Amino acid sequence: MFYTYILESVKNKDLYIGYTSDLKKRLEEHNSGKSTSTKRYMPWRLIYYEACLLQEDALRRENYFKTSQGRRMFRKRLKEYFFKK
């Protein structure tokens, strides 16, 4: 299984989009400072993930989420979460 995921920084509400084959381990890496791109905005919380059978599908979904259309889609999907903050 491969996972496409979205993290939110508890510190400043920034979002990070990625994919991995081990979601739990990857979240621990983000929160322990092992990822240079997310180190300064720790801690992170997982707000969304999708599971895919193939790595190519997870990567394609990650790239889609990084487009303006993809961001609109997941913000619409998580409307209640973003609205209640």
Foldseek 3Di string as FASTA:
>chain_A
DKKWFWKAQPQPRDIDTDMGPDVVVVLVCLQVQVDVVNNVRDDIDTDDMDDDPDPVVSVVLSVLCPDPVNVVVVCVVCVVVVVVD
